[in-house]
């Protein structure tokens, strides 16, 4: 007997890319385009189709056993969300097939299945029915759903007045209480606060202990490492790795080094400056990826420009592995004279003693012009800060020693005075 929760074979999804010049606003344009296609040669039509389509997912095959926690990782545009939409039957594949055994719950986008004009209470029943729950089942679980969401005082408020965090709390609570055999999560936990993210992860682990299968898409590698023993690494729509989490994350980190940060949009006219290499240097000048708490580190960047870049502001930001932004160094705010950059060269930043707590950090490198426009944004690499006691779970983001003073309370001082007088 076949033992799988999800079986995928040769799964592909093709989308049409509609160019601005091909958008027809009138019936005449549509007819003219259709007549043009009728008289075009087959080779010309095939070439146009090839040029105007792209494969979001291409020939993906894998099996997931019941009870597995599997992370789906990859850079932006790799096909992660497309895969989950195919598995949840939101969209249909172009080729290939999917076999699913068990009840499937999915939380793919914040507020999917919610109606903005309805209250939270009404949307619990609406979303529950969309996920396949009966009204009687929702009624039985309603108090538990609301309790988990932590928004009881707003449950009778229309959800159009909810923040994105409130949306995701309520949506996750409903999806989780479906008691699914398979749960699909697509980056939605990034909307909630850290305490709620941890709560959701603990709940997901409870589902796993009950034998549920969980597929989790995230750019947060800390969450992937916490939840998943196996990862499927997608690259340009294809599965390039399927195996142990640690090994897959090494490949992902190597590919993401110097890749564009997710929020960077290339400016009109193209990128005028980019970074070709980044090095993390310790106190002895040797390259490394592990630094002791309180150690100064040097970040050396190799840059290359196309033409002259006037008055650039080079910013190096450090983010903790759970995407918490910790600090930014800036040539402009640090008063570094930099009238222009041209050609190729190197830029070095030597930090003050790093007082970040023990954890994994990502270095992002951003260049802005004098008006604040973003010229470049790249992932510089990752490094560890090491300390035996100062961890993020107990000491937050950074640690500095404070000045302490202990005084006795008033009754004790009064007793001391009486003793001296007596």
Protein backbone atom coordinates (compact mmCIF):
# COMPACT_ATOMS: atom_id res chain seq x y z
CA UNK A 1 0.00 0.00 0.00
CA UNK A 2 1.30 3.44 -0.94
CA UNK A 3 2.26 5.44 2.14
CA UNK A 4 2.14 9.15 1.31
CA UNK A 5 0.17 12.25 2.26
CA UNK A 6 1.07 14.14 -0.94
CA UNK A 7 2.36 12.73 -4.22
CA UNK A 8 3.38 15.08 -7.03
CA UNK A 9 4.45 13.89 -10.48
CA UNK A 10 5.66 16.10 -13.33
CA UNK A 11 3.83 19.16 -12.00
CA UNK A 12 4.10 22.30 -14.14
CA UNK A 13 2.28 25.62 -14.31
CA UNK A 14 2.53 28.03 -17.23
CA UNK A 15 1.29 31.62 -17.18
CA UNK A 16 0.80 34.08 -19.99
CA UNK A 17 2.84 37.26 -19.76
CA UNK A 18 0.70 40.12 -21.09
CA UNK A 19 2.87 42.94 -22.36
CA UNK A 20 1.65 46.52 -22.13
CA UNK A 21 1.64 46.82 -25.93
CA UNK A 22 -0.69 43.78 -26.15
CA UNK A 23 -3.42 45.13 -23.90
CA UNK A 24 -6.46 45.76 -26.09
CA UNK A 25 -8.87 48.38 -24.85
CA UNK A 26 -11.42 48.20 -27.64
CA UNK A 27 -13.30 45.59 -29.66
CA UNK A 28 -11.51 46.81 -32.79
CA UNK A 29 -8.12 46.05 -31.21
CA UNK A 30 -9.23 42.55 -30.21
CA UNK A 31 -10.55 41.77 -33.71
CA UNK A 32 -7.45 43.16 -35.41
CA UNK A 33 -5.19 41.07 -33.15
CA UNK A 34 -7.26 37.94 -33.87
CA UNK A 35 -7.11 38.47 -37.65
CA UNK A 36 -3.35 38.99 -37.41
CA UNK A 37 -2.99 35.65 -35.63
CA UNK A 38 -5.09 33.90 -38.34
CA UNK A 39 -2.70 34.93 -41.11
CA UNK A 40 0.52 34.44 -39.14
CA UNK A 41 2.56 31.31 -39.76
CA UNK A 42 2.54 28.50 -37.18
CA UNK A 43 6.23 29.15 -36.46
CA UNK A 44 5.48 32.82 -35.81
CA UNK A 45 2.56 31.95 -33.52
CA UNK A 46 4.68 29.41 -31.63
CA UNK A 47 7.49 31.92 -31.22
CA UNK A 48 5.05 34.57 -29.95
CA UNK A 49 3.54 32.09 -27.49
CA UNK A 50 6.97 31.10 -26.22
CA UNK A 51 8.00 34.73 -25.81
CA UNK A 52 4.80 35.74 -24.02
CA UNK A 53 4.59 32.85 -21.53
CA UNK A 54 6.67 31.71 -18.59
CA UNK A 55 6.77 28.58 -16.46
CA UNK A 56 6.22 29.40 -12.80
CA UNK A 57 6.74 25.71 -12.00
CA UNK A 58 8.37 23.11 -14.22
CA UNK A 59 8.28 19.30 -13.91
CA UNK A 60 8.23 19.10 -10.09
CA UNK A 61 8.06 15.60 -8.60
CA UNK A 62 8.20 14.51 -4.95
CA UNK A 63 6.37 12.56 -2.25
CA UNK A 64 5.69 13.62 1.33
CA UNK A 65 4.96 11.02 3.98
CA UNK A 66 2.24 11.42 6.63
CA UNK A 67 3.50 13.41 9.61
CA UNK A 68 6.40 15.10 7.81
CA UNK A 69 7.19 18.80 8.26
CA UNK A 70 8.63 20.02 4.96
CA UNK A 71 9.95 23.51 4.22
CA UNK A 72 9.60 24.96 0.73
CA UNK A 73 12.46 27.40 0.15
CA UNK A 74 13.79 29.50 -2.72
CA UNK A 75 14.46 33.06 -3.80
CA UNK A 76 11.64 35.37 -4.91
CA UNK A 77 9.92 34.07 -8.04
CA UNK A 78 11.15 30.51 -7.54
CA UNK A 79 7.61 29.05 -7.67
CA UNK A 80 6.96 28.39 -3.97
CA UNK A 81 3.55 30.05 -3.73
CA UNK A 82 2.54 28.61 -7.10
CA UNK A 83 3.25 25.12 -5.79
CA UNK A 84 1.06 25.62 -2.71
CA UNK A 85 -1.77 27.10 -4.81
CA UNK A 86 -1.67 24.01 -7.01
CA UNK A 87 -1.66 21.68 -4.00
CA UNK A 88 -4.62 23.53 -2.45
CA UNK A 89 -6.49 23.47 -5.80
CA UNK A 90 -6.78 27.26 -5.98
CA UNK A 91 -5.38 26.93 -9.49
CA UNK A 92 -4.98 23.97 -11.84
CA UNK A 93 -1.71 22.62 -13.26
CA UNK A 94 -0.74 22.95 -16.91
CA UNK A 95 0.75 19.45 -16.81
CA UNK A 96 1.32 16.75 -14.22
CA UNK A 97 -0.82 15.37 -11.42
CA UNK A 98 -1.30 15.66 -7.66
CA UNK A 99 -2.56 12.99 -5.28
CA UNK A 100 -3.56 13.98 -1.74
CA UNK A 101 -4.66 11.68 1.07
CA UNK A 102 -6.52 13.32 3.93
CA UNK A 103 -8.18 16.57 4.87
CA UNK A 104 -6.22 19.61 3.66
CA UNK A 105 -6.16 23.06 5.24
CA UNK A 106 -4.37 26.00 3.68
CA UNK A 107 -3.42 29.49 4.83
CA UNK A 108 -1.87 31.05 1.76
CA UNK A 109 -2.70 34.77 1.83
CA UNK A 110 -3.88 37.04 4.60
CA UNK A 111 -7.67 37.28 4.55
CA UNK A 112 -8.25 34.77 1.75
CA UNK A 113 -11.87 33.67 2.14
CA UNK A 114 -12.84 36.63 4.36
CA UNK A 115 -15.55 39.14 3.42
CA UNK A 116 -14.59 42.67 4.41
CA UNK A 117 -18.13 43.77 5.33
CA UNK A 118 -18.78 40.81 7.64
CA UNK A 119 -17.75 40.67 11.29
CA UNK A 120 -15.02 38.43 12.61
CA UNK A 121 -17.68 36.09 14.02
CA UNK A 122 -19.43 35.80 10.65
CA UNK A 123 -16.14 35.29 8.85
CA UNK A 124 -15.20 32.42 11.16
CA UNK A 125 -18.25 30.54 9.88
CA UNK A 126 -17.70 31.66 6.28
CA UNK A 127 -14.01 30.72 6.19
CA UNK A 128 -14.67 27.49 8.06
CA UNK A 129 -17.21 26.42 5.43
CA UNK A 130 -14.75 27.29 2.65
CA UNK A 131 -12.19 25.03 4.33
CA UNK A 132 -14.73 22.19 4.49
CA UNK A 133 -16.02 22.44 8.06
CA UNK A 134 -19.72 22.01 8.83
CA UNK A 135 -21.61 24.71 10.71
CA UNK A 136 -22.00 22.34 13.65
CA UNK A 137 -18.23 21.74 13.68
CA UNK A 138 -17.48 25.49 13.63
CA UNK A 139 -19.95 26.08 16.47
CA UNK A 140 -18.27 23.41 18.56
CA UNK A 141 -14.83 24.93 18.00
CA UNK A 142 -15.80 28.61 17.95
CA UNK A 143 -14.64 29.50 21.48
CA UNK A 144 -11.32 27.72 20.95
CA UNK A 145 -10.81 29.56 17.64
CA UNK A 146 -11.48 32.96 19.19
CA UNK A 147 -9.33 32.18 22.21
CA UNK A 148 -6.43 31.18 19.98
CA UNK A 149 -6.77 34.31 17.81
CA UNK A 150 -6.56 36.61 20.89
CA UNK A 151 -9.01 39.13 19.36
CA UNK A 152 -12.17 38.31 21.33
CA UNK A 153 -13.01 41.97 21.99
CA UNK A 154 -13.11 42.63 18.23
CA UNK A 155 -14.91 39.46 17.14
CA UNK A 156 -18.13 41.37 16.34
CA UNK A 157 -16.31 44.15 14.48
CA UNK A 158 -16.33 44.13 10.63
CA UNK A 159 -12.99 42.73 9.47
CA UNK A 160 -12.48 45.69 7.12
CA UNK A 161 -11.39 47.50 10.28
CA UNK A 162 -8.88 44.78 11.22
CA UNK A 163 -5.15 45.24 10.89
CA UNK A 164 -3.24 42.71 8.80
CA UNK A 165 -2.03 41.12 12.03
CA UNK A 166 -5.61 40.65 13.28
CA UNK A 167 -6.56 39.15 9.91
CA UNK A 168 -3.83 36.56 10.07
CA UNK A 169 -4.53 35.70 13.71
CA UNK A 170 -8.17 34.90 12.98
CA UNK A 171 -7.47 33.18 9.66
CA UNK A 172 -4.76 30.98 11.16
CA UNK A 173 -6.96 30.11 14.13
CA UNK A 174 -9.75 28.90 11.82
CA UNK A 175 -7.39 26.96 9.53
CA UNK A 176 -5.60 25.33 12.47
CA UNK A 177 -8.84 24.20 14.14
CA UNK A 178 -9.90 22.45 10.98
CA UNK A 179 -7.83 19.60 12.48
CA UNK A 180 -6.30 19.02 9.05
CA UNK A 181 -4.34 15.97 8.03
CA UNK A 182 -2.29 18.33 5.84
CA UNK A 183 -1.63 22.04 6.55
CA UNK A 184 -0.15 24.44 3.99
CA UNK A 185 1.40 27.69 5.28
CA UNK A 186 2.70 30.38 2.94
CA UNK A 187 4.73 33.08 4.74
CA UNK A 188 1.64 34.39 6.50
CA UNK A 189 3.21 34.11 9.95
CA UNK A 190 5.52 36.99 9.04
CA UNK A 191 2.52 39.32 9.55
CA UNK A 192 1.95 38.40 13.19
CA UNK A 193 4.13 39.52 16.07
CA UNK A 194 6.93 37.30 17.34
CA UNK A 195 4.91 35.91 20.28
CA UNK A 196 2.06 34.91 17.96
CA UNK A 197 4.49 33.36 15.46
CA UNK A 198 5.90 31.20 18.25
CA UNK A 199 2.39 30.28 19.34
CA UNK A 200 1.51 29.21 15.79
CA UNK A 201 4.70 27.17 15.50
CA UNK A 202 3.94 25.40 18.77
CA UNK A 203 0.42 24.67 17.53
CA UNK A 204 1.85 23.33 14.26
CA UNK A 205 4.12 21.04 16.27
CA UNK A 206 1.08 19.78 18.18
CA UNK A 207 -0.57 18.99 14.85
CA UNK A 208 2.56 17.15 13.78
CA UNK A 209 2.57 15.07 16.97
CA UNK A 210 -0.99 14.08 16.06
CA UNK A 211 0.34 12.86 12.71
CA UNK A 212 -0.46 15.91 10.54
CA UNK A 213 1.67 16.80 7.52
CA UNK A 214 2.84 20.41 7.24
CA UNK A 215 4.26 22.27 4.24
CA UNK A 216 5.75 25.62 5.19
CA UNK A 217 6.93 28.36 2.81
CA UNK A 218 9.11 31.01 4.40
CA UNK A 219 12.13 33.26 3.81
CA UNK A 220 12.80 33.03 7.54
CA UNK A 221 15.40 30.29 7.78
CA UNK A 222 15.15 30.30 11.59
CA UNK A 223 11.50 29.22 11.28
CA UNK A 224 12.39 26.60 8.66
CA UNK A 225 15.10 25.14 10.90
CA UNK A 226 12.74 25.14 13.88
CA UNK A 227 9.82 23.45 12.14
CA UNK A 228 11.20 21.30 9.34
CA UNK A 229 13.45 18.26 9.09
CA UNK A 230 13.35 18.30 5.28
CA UNK A 231 13.34 21.05 2.65
CA UNK A 232 12.43 21.24 -1.01
CA UNK A 233 14.52 23.93 -2.69
CA UNK A 234 12.97 25.54 -5.77
CA UNK A 235 15.02 27.53 -8.25
CA UNK A 236 13.42 29.15 -11.29
CA UNK A 237 10.43 26.86 -10.97
CA UNK A 238 12.37 23.61 -10.69
CA UNK A 239 13.20 21.34 -7.75
CA UNK A 240 16.99 21.51 -7.38
CA UNK A 241 17.23 19.89 -3.94
CA UNK A 242 15.03 17.65 -1.81
CA UNK A 243 16.56 16.43 1.43
CA UNK A 244 17.81 17.30 4.94
CA UNK A 245 17.19 20.87 6.10
CA UNK A 246 20.79 21.74 7.00
CA UNK A 247 22.11 20.70 3.60
CA UNK A 248 19.35 22.51 1.73
CA UNK A 249 19.88 25.73 3.67
CA UNK A 250 23.57 25.71 2.78
CA UNK A 251 22.66 25.65 -0.92
CA UNK A 252 20.05 28.37 -0.40
CA UNK A 253 22.49 30.62 1.45
CA UNK A 254 25.15 30.17 -1.24
CA UNK A 255 22.64 31.15 -3.94
CA UNK A 256 21.24 34.08 -1.97
CA UNK A 257 24.68 35.62 -1.36
CA UNK A 258 24.76 38.91 -3.30
CA UNK A 259 21.28 38.25 -4.68
CA UNK A 260 18.87 41.20 -4.71
CA UNK A 261 17.03 41.92 -1.48
CA UNK A 262 13.27 41.20 -1.87
CA UNK A 263 12.23 44.87 -1.72
CA UNK A 264 14.60 46.12 -4.45
CA UNK A 265 13.12 47.24 -7.77
CA UNK A 266 15.70 47.97 -10.44
CA UNK A 267 15.56 51.68 -11.34
CA UNK A 268 14.74 52.91 -14.81
CA UNK A 269 17.83 52.87 -16.95
CA UNK A 270 19.25 49.89 -15.09
CA UNK A 271 21.46 49.37 -12.07
CA UNK A 272 24.44 51.75 -11.93
CA UNK A 273 26.28 50.14 -9.02
CA UNK A 274 26.51 46.57 -7.76
CA UNK A 275 28.62 44.60 -5.31
CA UNK A 276 30.70 41.73 -6.63
CA UNK A 277 31.99 40.33 -3.33
CA UNK A 278 31.66 40.74 0.44
CA UNK A 279 34.00 39.54 3.17
CA UNK A 280 33.64 39.42 6.96
CA UNK A 281 37.00 39.94 8.65
CA UNK A 282 37.85 39.39 12.30
CA UNK A 283 40.33 41.13 14.62
CA UNK A 284 43.31 39.29 13.10
CA UNK A 285 42.22 40.27 9.59
CA UNK A 286 41.25 36.72 8.67
CA UNK A 287 37.96 35.98 6.93
CA UNK A 288 35.31 34.20 8.98
CA UNK A 289 31.63 33.75 9.69
CA UNK A 290 31.65 33.48 13.50
CA UNK A 291 32.41 36.46 15.75
CA UNK A 292 32.53 36.71 19.53
CA UNK A 293 30.22 39.06 21.39
CA UNK A 294 32.04 42.39 21.83
CA UNK A 295 34.40 41.78 18.91
CA UNK A 296 34.86 44.40 16.20
CA UNK A 297 34.35 43.11 12.68
CA UNK A 298 35.29 44.54 9.30
CA UNK A 299 32.93 44.20 6.33
CA UNK A 300 34.76 44.60 3.03
CA UNK A 301 32.72 45.23 -0.13
CA UNK A 302 33.94 45.06 -3.73
CA UNK A 303 31.88 47.34 -5.95
CA UNK A 304 31.51 47.95 -9.68
CA UNK A 305 29.77 50.89 -11.32
CA UNK A 306 28.39 51.73 -14.72
CA UNK A 307 29.33 55.35 -15.11
CA UNK A 308 29.65 57.82 -12.28
CA UNK A 309 27.43 57.53 -9.20
CA UNK A 310 27.10 60.92 -7.53
CA UNK A 311 27.01 61.30 -3.73
CA UNK A 312 26.05 57.70 -2.90
CA UNK A 313 24.93 56.72 0.57
CA UNK A 314 26.22 53.20 1.31
CA UNK A 315 24.12 51.48 3.97
CA UNK A 316 24.94 48.18 5.64
CA UNK A 317 22.06 46.73 7.63
CA UNK A 318 22.18 43.77 10.02
CA UNK A 319 19.06 41.63 10.47
CA UNK A 320 18.60 38.79 12.91
CA UNK A 321 17.60 35.41 11.47
CA UNK A 322 13.93 35.95 12.41
CA UNK A 323 13.96 39.10 10.19
CA UNK A 324 14.23 41.51 13.14
CA UNK A 325 16.17 44.55 11.93
CA UNK A 326 18.96 45.26 14.42
CA UNK A 327 21.06 48.16 13.13
CA UNK A 328 22.17 50.08 10.04
CA UNK A 329 25.50 51.78 9.31
CA UNK A 330 25.38 54.61 6.77
CA UNK A 331 28.20 56.56 5.14
CA UNK A 332 25.97 59.65 5.05
CA UNK A 333 24.88 59.63 8.68
CA UNK A 334 28.39 58.62 9.80
CA UNK A 335 29.80 61.69 7.99
CA UNK A 336 31.95 59.80 5.47
CA UNK A 337 32.88 62.14 2.56
CA UNK A 338 31.94 60.36 -0.67
CA UNK A 339 31.34 62.81 -3.55
CA UNK A 340 31.11 60.00 -6.11
CA UNK A 341 32.02 56.40 -6.99
CA UNK A 342 33.23 55.33 -10.41
CA UNK A 343 34.72 52.16 -11.89
CA UNK A 344 35.72 49.40 -9.48
CA UNK A 345 37.01 49.48 -5.93
CA UNK A 346 36.51 48.45 -2.32
CA UNK A 347 34.66 49.90 0.66
CA UNK A 348 35.39 48.79 4.23
CA UNK A 349 33.33 49.26 7.36
CA UNK A 350 34.86 48.46 10.75
CA UNK A 351 32.10 48.21 13.31
CA UNK A 352 32.20 49.22 16.95
CA UNK A 353 32.31 46.25 19.35
CA UNK A 354 29.37 44.07 18.28
CA UNK A 355 26.99 43.78 21.22
CA UNK A 356 24.36 41.75 19.38
CA UNK A 357 23.28 38.64 21.28
CA UNK A 358 24.22 35.15 20.20
CA UNK A 359 22.36 34.32 16.94
CA UNK A 360 22.63 34.17 13.15
CA UNK A 361 22.56 37.49 11.27
CA UNK A 362 22.18 38.62 7.66
CA UNK A 363 24.06 41.58 6.21
CA UNK A 364 22.17 43.60 3.58
CA UNK A 365 23.93 46.23 1.45
CA UNK A 366 21.89 49.12 0.03
CA UNK A 367 22.95 52.16 -1.99
CA UNK A 368 20.80 55.29 -2.11
CA UNK A 369 21.41 58.55 -3.91
CA UNK A 370 21.36 61.97 -2.26
CA UNK A 371 17.57 62.15 -2.73
CA UNK A 372 17.01 58.79 -1.03
CA UNK A 373 16.27 56.81 -4.19
CA UNK A 374 17.41 53.20 -4.03
CA UNK A 375 20.14 52.42 -6.56
CA UNK A 376 21.05 48.92 -5.41
CA UNK A 377 20.08 46.39 -2.75
CA UNK A 378 21.83 43.06 -2.22
CA UNK A 379 22.07 40.31 0.39
CA UNK A 380 25.67 40.54 1.54
CA UNK A 381 25.93 37.29 3.46
CA UNK A 382 25.40 35.77 6.90
CA UNK A 383 27.44 35.46 10.07
CA UNK A 384 27.08 34.24 13.66
CA UNK A 385 27.66 36.11 16.91
CA UNK A 386 28.82 33.82 19.71
CA UNK A 387 28.28 34.12 23.47
CA UNK A 388 27.59 31.40 26.07
CA UNK A 389 24.82 33.31 27.90
CA UNK A 390 23.43 36.19 25.84
CA UNK A 391 20.84 34.59 23.56
CA UNK A 392 17.91 36.15 21.69
CA UNK A 393 15.37 34.13 23.68
CA UNK A 394 16.39 35.75 26.98
CA UNK A 395 18.28 38.96 26.12
CA UNK A 396 16.47 40.38 23.06
CA UNK A 397 18.58 41.97 20.30
CA UNK A 398 21.68 43.35 22.01
CA UNK A 399 23.17 43.58 25.47
CA UNK A 400 25.01 46.40 27.25
CA UNK A 401 25.90 46.26 30.93
CA UNK A 402 23.96 48.74 33.03
CA UNK A 403 24.85 50.57 36.25
CA UNK A 404 23.11 48.99 39.23
CA UNK A 405 22.40 50.37 42.70
CA UNK A 406 20.63 48.50 45.48
CA UNK A 407 18.93 50.31 48.35
CA UNK A 408 16.98 48.90 51.29
CA UNK A 409 13.24 49.59 51.50
CA UNK A 410 11.84 52.20 53.96
CA UNK A 411 10.97 49.85 56.90
CA UNK A 412 14.45 48.38 56.85
CA UNK A 413 16.08 51.83 56.89
CA UNK A 414 13.82 52.90 59.76
CA UNK A 415 14.88 49.81 61.72
CA UNK A 416 18.55 50.71 61.16
CA UNK A 417 17.98 54.24 62.52
CA UNK A 418 16.24 52.90 65.63
CA UNK A 419 19.07 50.48 66.26
CA UNK A 420 21.65 53.26 66.04
CA UNK A 421 19.63 55.60 68.32
CA UNK A 422 18.84 52.84 70.83
